[in-house]
Amino acid sequence: MPVGTGIRLTVWLATVCVGAVVALAAYTATTTITIRIMGAALVSIATLVIAFALAATIRMVNQWERAIMLRLGKFSSVRGPGLFFITPLVETVAYVIDLRTITTPFRAEQTMTSDTVPVDVDAVLFWRVTDPQRAALEVEKYGEAVAMAAQTALRDVIGRATLAAILSERQSIDKNLRTVIDSRTQSWGIRVESVELRDVKIPSELQAAMSRQAQAERERQARVILGESEVQIAEQFNEAAKVYAGNPTALHLRAMNMLYEGLKERGALMIVPSSALDSRGLGNISGLAALGKAGQM
């Protein structure tokens, strides 16, 4: 039941009850049957007319609504919220405008980006009426007009952006969409509060290609990191060579340590150049180490 219908019905019933009491009183006031019937009929007719007239004058809208009034077809005023009265047959309630924030989902299908990629984009628009008079008088069915303006703006913004920008810069796309839609709906007395992209769908073939591209990029980065590591290792070896060149004893100790670490493992086999053994006297040391190890077995 629309808001206000219950009040109008209550007023109508109350008026009818009062008229019935008056008609009964008029019926019993005289002794002539003809006068009784005529009096009761006149009172009943007058009661019904008054009841319908009073019920027609009462209107009510909710706190979040405004009523657009027309007087003889011309705009008169904006009424509400709450209870108000109109002049029957002269004033009419043309529209009841909702002032709450309204959510409108919209989408753009098979829209080409600036780099010629077809995408399907789902978005949601949050808007509200700020001027009920302009919303009622400047555009027909302002809700449908807002949805169409949002869809057109979405196609326009997507056509001027690349796929990478749509996927990675959603906040910027949302801001641009809000600016474009708000500029179109401002003259209708409507303010766009926010626009959010919910989903971006691309063709499955392109998804596979993008996956391969991402994998190739990761492999390239891994090889670059490996190459940089090799350069750093070579630089460290160069620094170590400079240190060992000025300190033969340190190089000798390092060689002995490497040989020890290698022979410490059971079943290990080390191949050492004979020139290194002769120059550093490691042949005797390695032989003694091997004999000691054999004696322990």
Protein backbone atom coordinates (compact mmCIF):
# COMPACT_ATOMS: atom_id res chain seq x y z
CA MET A 1 0.00 0.00 0.00
CA PRO A 2 1.54 3.40 -0.97
CA VAL A 3 2.47 5.80 1.79
CA GLY A 4 -0.52 8.08 2.54
CA THR A 5 -3.17 5.66 1.33
CA GLY A 6 -3.86 4.48 4.86
CA ILE A 7 -4.32 8.05 6.08
CA ARG A 8 -6.69 8.92 3.23
CA LEU A 9 -8.71 5.77 3.92
CA THR A 10 -8.90 6.63 7.61
CA VAL A 11 -10.12 10.16 6.85
CA TRP A 12 -12.68 8.80 4.40
CA LEU A 13 -14.04 6.27 6.91
CA ALA A 14 -14.17 8.86 9.67
CA THR A 15 -16.08 11.27 7.45
CA VAL A 16 -18.51 8.54 6.39
CA CYS A 17 -19.13 7.58 10.02
CA VAL A 18 -19.81 11.17 10.96
CA GLY A 19 -22.15 11.52 7.97
CA ALA A 20 -23.96 8.34 8.96
CA VAL A 21 -24.57 9.72 12.44
CA VAL A 22 -25.84 12.99 10.96
CA ALA A 23 -28.09 11.12 8.49
CA LEU A 24 -29.51 9.04 11.33
CA ALA A 25 -30.17 12.16 13.35
CA ALA A 26 -31.89 13.83 10.37
CA TYR A 27 -33.95 10.69 9.81
CA THR A 28 -35.25 10.64 13.38
CA ALA A 29 -35.75 14.39 13.67
CA THR A 30 -39.01 14.43 11.71
CA THR A 31 -42.14 12.30 11.67
CA THR A 32 -42.90 12.44 7.97
CA ILE A 33 -41.53 9.39 6.14
CA THR A 34 -40.88 11.27 2.88
CA ILE A 35 -38.93 14.01 4.60
CA ARG A 36 -36.98 11.44 6.61
CA ILE A 37 -35.93 9.55 3.48
CA MET A 38 -35.05 12.68 1.52
CA GLY A 39 -33.10 14.17 4.42
CA ALA A 40 -31.14 10.99 5.03
CA ALA A 41 -30.37 10.66 1.29
CA LEU A 42 -29.15 14.25 0.99
CA VAL A 43 -26.97 13.91 4.06
CA SER A 44 -25.51 10.62 2.77
CA ILE A 45 -24.70 12.11 -0.64
CA ALA A 46 -23.12 15.19 0.94
CA THR A 47 -21.14 12.95 3.30
CA LEU A 48 -19.72 10.88 0.45
CA VAL A 49 -18.75 13.98 -1.52
CA ILE A 50 -17.06 15.54 1.50
CA ALA A 51 -15.32 12.25 2.34
CA PHE A 52 -13.86 11.84 -1.14
CA ALA A 53 -12.85 15.52 -1.23
CA LEU A 54 -11.05 15.33 2.12
CA ALA A 55 -9.34 12.06 1.17
CA ALA A 56 -8.17 13.60 -2.10
CA THR A 57 -6.54 16.58 -0.36
CA ILE A 58 -4.28 14.57 1.93
CA ARG A 59 -0.85 13.35 0.77
CA MET A 60 2.20 12.05 2.60
CA VAL A 61 5.76 11.11 1.56
CA ASN A 62 8.60 9.49 3.48
CA GLN A 63 11.59 11.27 4.98
CA TRP A 64 13.81 10.34 2.01
CA GLU A 65 11.25 11.38 -0.64
CA ARG A 66 10.05 14.62 -2.21
CA ALA A 67 6.80 15.20 -4.13
CA ILE A 68 6.77 17.27 -7.34
CA MET A 69 3.57 19.34 -7.47
CA LEU A 70 1.89 20.55 -10.66
CA ARG A 71 -0.88 23.16 -10.65
CA LEU A 72 -2.97 23.05 -13.83
CA GLY A 73 -0.09 21.33 -15.62
CA LYS A 74 2.62 23.78 -14.49
CA PHE A 75 5.29 23.23 -11.87
CA SER A 76 4.14 24.52 -8.51
CA SER A 77 6.44 23.38 -5.73
CA VAL A 78 8.35 20.56 -4.09
CA ARG A 79 6.54 19.13 -1.06
CA GLY A 80 7.63 16.85 1.74
CA PRO A 81 8.66 15.08 3.78
CA GLY A 82 5.64 14.22 5.88
CA LEU A 83 1.99 15.18 5.57
CA PHE A 84 0.75 17.94 3.23
CA PHE A 85 -2.45 18.98 1.49
CA ILE A 86 -3.32 19.66 -2.14
CA THR A 87 -6.25 21.23 -3.97
CA PRO A 88 -8.22 18.48 -5.76
CA LEU A 89 -8.65 18.84 -9.52
CA VAL A 90 -6.21 21.76 -9.52
CA GLU A 91 -2.99 20.33 -8.07
CA THR A 92 -1.53 16.90 -8.78
CA VAL A 93 1.49 14.93 -7.56
CA ALA A 94 3.43 14.29 -10.76
CA TYR A 95 6.48 12.51 -9.33
CA VAL A 96 7.81 11.24 -6.03
CA ILE A 97 11.62 11.56 -6.09
CA ASP A 98 13.85 9.32 -3.95
CA LEU A 99 16.78 11.29 -2.45
CA ARG A 100 18.73 8.27 -1.16
CA THR A 101 21.92 6.99 -2.78
CA ILE A 102 21.01 4.68 -5.65
CA THR A 103 23.19 1.84 -6.94
CA THR A 104 23.15 1.18 -10.68
CA PRO A 105 25.20 -1.67 -12.21
CA PHE A 106 26.21 -1.25 -15.84
CA ARG A 107 28.61 -2.88 -18.29
CA ALA A 108 30.33 -2.48 -21.63
CA GLU A 109 30.65 -5.59 -23.82
CA GLN A 110 33.25 -6.17 -26.52
CA THR A 111 34.65 -2.66 -26.21
CA MET A 112 37.98 -1.97 -27.94
CA THR A 113 40.78 -0.40 -25.93
CA SER A 114 43.28 2.03 -27.44
CA ASP A 115 45.61 -0.92 -28.19
CA THR A 116 42.78 -2.78 -30.02
CA VAL A 117 41.97 -5.39 -27.35
CA PRO A 118 38.27 -6.34 -26.93
CA VAL A 119 37.25 -6.38 -23.26
CA ASP A 120 34.06 -6.83 -21.22
CA VAL A 121 33.91 -4.48 -18.25
CA ASP A 122 31.40 -4.59 -15.36
CA ALA A 123 31.05 -1.51 -13.16
CA VAL A 124 28.74 -0.08 -10.52
CA LEU A 125 27.59 3.53 -10.16
CA PHE A 126 26.59 5.27 -6.90
CA TRP A 127 24.52 8.41 -7.42
CA ARG A 128 21.76 10.48 -5.83
CA VAL A 129 19.30 13.22 -6.71
CA THR A 130 20.28 16.63 -5.31
CA ASP A 131 17.67 18.77 -7.10
CA PRO A 132 14.25 17.04 -7.35
CA GLN A 133 12.82 19.81 -9.52
CA ARG A 134 15.41 19.44 -12.28
CA ALA A 135 15.36 15.65 -12.04
CA ALA A 136 11.61 15.71 -12.73
CA LEU A 137 11.48 18.49 -15.32
CA GLU A 138 14.76 18.27 -17.26
CA VAL A 139 14.87 14.58 -18.19
CA GLU A 140 12.36 11.78 -18.71
CA LYS A 141 12.98 8.71 -16.51
CA TYR A 142 16.15 10.05 -14.93
CA GLY A 143 17.17 6.60 -13.63
CA GLU A 144 17.35 5.11 -17.14
CA ALA A 145 19.08 8.26 -18.39
CA VAL A 146 21.80 7.92 -15.75
CA ALA A 147 22.37 4.25 -16.65
CA MET A 148 22.69 5.07 -20.36
CA ALA A 149 25.04 7.99 -19.67
CA ALA A 150 27.20 5.74 -17.47
CA GLN A 151 27.42 3.02 -20.14
CA THR A 152 28.35 5.54 -22.84
CA ALA A 153 31.00 7.11 -20.60
CA LEU A 154 32.45 3.68 -19.79
CA ARG A 155 32.86 2.87 -23.49
CA ASP A 156 34.48 6.26 -24.07
CA VAL A 157 36.98 5.87 -21.22
CA ILE A 158 37.88 2.30 -22.23
CA GLY A 159 38.46 3.40 -25.83
CA ARG A 160 41.00 5.98 -24.67
CA ALA A 161 42.92 3.64 -22.32
CA THR A 162 45.21 0.69 -22.87
CA LEU A 163 44.55 -2.77 -21.49
CA ALA A 164 47.49 -2.44 -19.10
CA ALA A 165 46.09 0.84 -17.73
CA ILE A 166 42.63 -0.69 -17.22
CA LEU A 167 44.09 -3.65 -15.32
CA SER A 168 46.64 -1.76 -13.20
CA GLU A 169 45.21 1.76 -12.81
CA ARG A 170 41.63 1.12 -11.75
CA GLN A 171 41.51 4.05 -9.34
CA SER A 172 42.45 6.44 -12.13
CA ILE A 173 39.84 4.88 -14.44
CA ASP A 174 37.20 5.18 -11.69
CA LYS A 175 38.05 8.84 -11.18
CA ASN A 176 37.85 9.60 -14.90
CA LEU A 177 34.51 7.80 -15.19
CA ARG A 178 33.08 9.73 -12.25
CA THR A 179 34.16 13.04 -13.78
CA VAL A 180 32.67 12.23 -17.19
CA ILE A 181 29.35 10.90 -15.87
CA ASP A 182 28.95 13.72 -13.35
CA SER A 183 29.47 16.33 -16.07
CA ARG A 184 26.60 14.78 -18.05
CA THR A 185 24.15 14.37 -15.17
CA GLN A 186 24.83 17.61 -13.31
CA SER A 187 22.26 19.51 -15.39
CA TRP A 188 19.64 16.94 -14.35
CA GLY A 189 20.10 17.69 -10.65
CA ILE A 190 21.98 14.42 -10.09
CA ARG A 191 25.37 14.01 -8.38
CA VAL A 192 27.61 10.99 -9.00
CA GLU A 193 29.22 9.91 -5.73
CA SER A 194 31.53 7.18 -6.99
CA VAL A 195 32.15 4.68 -9.78
CA GLU A 196 33.88 1.33 -9.30
CA LEU A 197 35.03 -1.24 -11.83
CA ARG A 198 34.01 -4.68 -10.63
CA ASP A 199 35.43 -6.99 -13.28
CA VAL A 200 37.44 -6.86 -16.49
CA LYS A 201 37.16 -9.86 -18.81
CA ILE A 202 39.55 -10.44 -21.70
CA PRO A 203 39.55 -13.20 -24.38
CA SER A 204 40.93 -16.57 -23.27
CA GLU A 205 43.51 -16.56 -26.09
CA LEU A 206 44.86 -13.26 -24.84
CA GLN A 207 44.95 -14.58 -21.28
CA ALA A 208 47.14 -17.50 -22.43
CA ALA A 209 49.44 -15.13 -24.34
CA MET A 210 49.73 -12.84 -21.32
CA SER A 211 50.55 -15.84 -19.13
CA ARG A 212 53.35 -16.90 -21.49
CA GLN A 213 54.64 -13.34 -21.59
CA ALA A 214 54.69 -13.15 -17.80
CA GLN A 215 56.53 -16.48 -17.59
CA ALA A 216 59.11 -15.31 -20.13
CA GLU A 217 59.57 -12.09 -18.19
CA ARG A 218 60.18 -14.04 -14.97
CA GLU A 219 62.75 -16.25 -16.71
CA ARG A 220 64.47 -13.16 -18.10
CA GLN A 221 64.64 -11.59 -14.68
CA ALA A 222 66.04 -14.83 -13.21
CA ARG A 223 68.79 -14.90 -15.84
CA VAL A 224 69.59 -11.25 -15.26
CA ILE A 225 69.88 -11.89 -11.53
CA LEU A 226 72.10 -14.92 -12.20
CA GLY A 227 74.35 -12.85 -14.47
CA GLU A 228 74.61 -10.09 -11.87
CA SER A 229 75.52 -12.73 -9.27
CA GLU A 230 78.29 -14.07 -11.54
CA VAL A 231 79.68 -10.55 -11.91
CA GLN A 232 79.69 -10.07 -8.13
CA ILE A 233 81.38 -13.46 -7.60
CA ALA A 234 84.04 -12.59 -10.20
CA GLU A 235 84.68 -9.28 -8.47
CA GLN A 236 85.09 -11.07 -5.14
CA PHE A 237 87.50 -13.59 -6.72
CA ASN A 238 89.47 -10.70 -8.17
CA GLU A 239 89.76 -9.09 -4.74
CA ALA A 240 90.79 -12.44 -3.21
CA ALA A 241 93.43 -12.94 -5.90
CA LYS A 242 94.93 -9.55 -5.08
CA VAL A 243 95.10 -10.50 -1.39
CA TYR A 244 96.65 -13.92 -2.10
CA ALA A 245 99.17 -12.43 -4.53
CA GLY A 246 100.70 -10.37 -1.74
CA ASN A 247 100.49 -13.09 0.88
CA PRO A 248 101.63 -16.57 -0.33
CA THR A 249 101.26 -18.03 3.14
CA ALA A 250 97.53 -17.23 3.17
CA LEU A 251 97.15 -18.88 -0.24
CA HIS A 252 99.03 -21.93 1.04
CA LEU A 253 96.79 -22.21 4.10
CA ARG A 254 93.68 -21.79 1.95
CA ALA A 255 94.85 -24.58 -0.37
CA MET A 256 95.49 -26.86 2.59
CA ASN A 257 92.02 -26.11 3.97
CA MET A 258 90.36 -26.89 0.63
CA LEU A 259 92.29 -30.14 0.38
CA TYR A 260 91.34 -31.10 3.92
CA GLU A 261 87.67 -30.36 3.35
CA GLY A 262 87.71 -32.48 0.21
CA LEU A 263 89.47 -35.48 1.76
CA LYS A 264 87.29 -35.35 4.87
CA GLU A 265 84.32 -36.79 2.98
CA ARG A 266 84.33 -40.60 2.74
CA GLY A 267 84.86 -41.78 -0.79
CA ALA A 268 85.71 -38.25 -2.00
CA LEU A 269 88.05 -37.87 -4.95
CA MET A 270 89.97 -34.67 -5.64
CA ILE A 271 91.92 -33.85 -8.75
CA VAL A 272 94.64 -31.29 -8.06
CA PRO A 273 97.02 -30.01 -10.75
CA SER A 274 100.57 -31.32 -10.24
CA SER A 275 101.95 -27.82 -10.67
CA ALA A 276 99.96 -26.66 -7.64
CA LEU A 277 101.27 -29.56 -5.59
CA ASP A 278 104.89 -28.99 -6.58
CA SER A 279 104.77 -25.22 -6.12
CA ARG A 280 103.20 -25.37 -2.68
CA GLY A 281 104.62 -28.69 -1.43
CA LEU A 282 101.13 -30.09 -1.12
CA GLY A 283 102.07 -33.45 -2.54
CA ASN A 284 103.74 -34.60 0.65
CA ILE A 285 100.92 -33.21 2.74
CA SER A 286 98.24 -34.94 0.71
CA GLY A 287 100.17 -38.18 0.77
CA LEU A 288 100.51 -38.10 4.51
CA ALA A 289 96.82 -37.31 4.85
CA ALA A 290 95.92 -40.27 2.63
CA LEU A 291 98.19 -42.61 4.57
CA GLY A 292 96.75 -41.43 7.86
CA LYS A 293 93.26 -42.03 6.57
CA ALA A 294 94.19 -45.52 5.32
CA GLY A 295 95.74 -46.37 8.68
CA GLN A 296 92.46 -45.51 10.42
CA MET A 297 90.51 -47.98 8.29
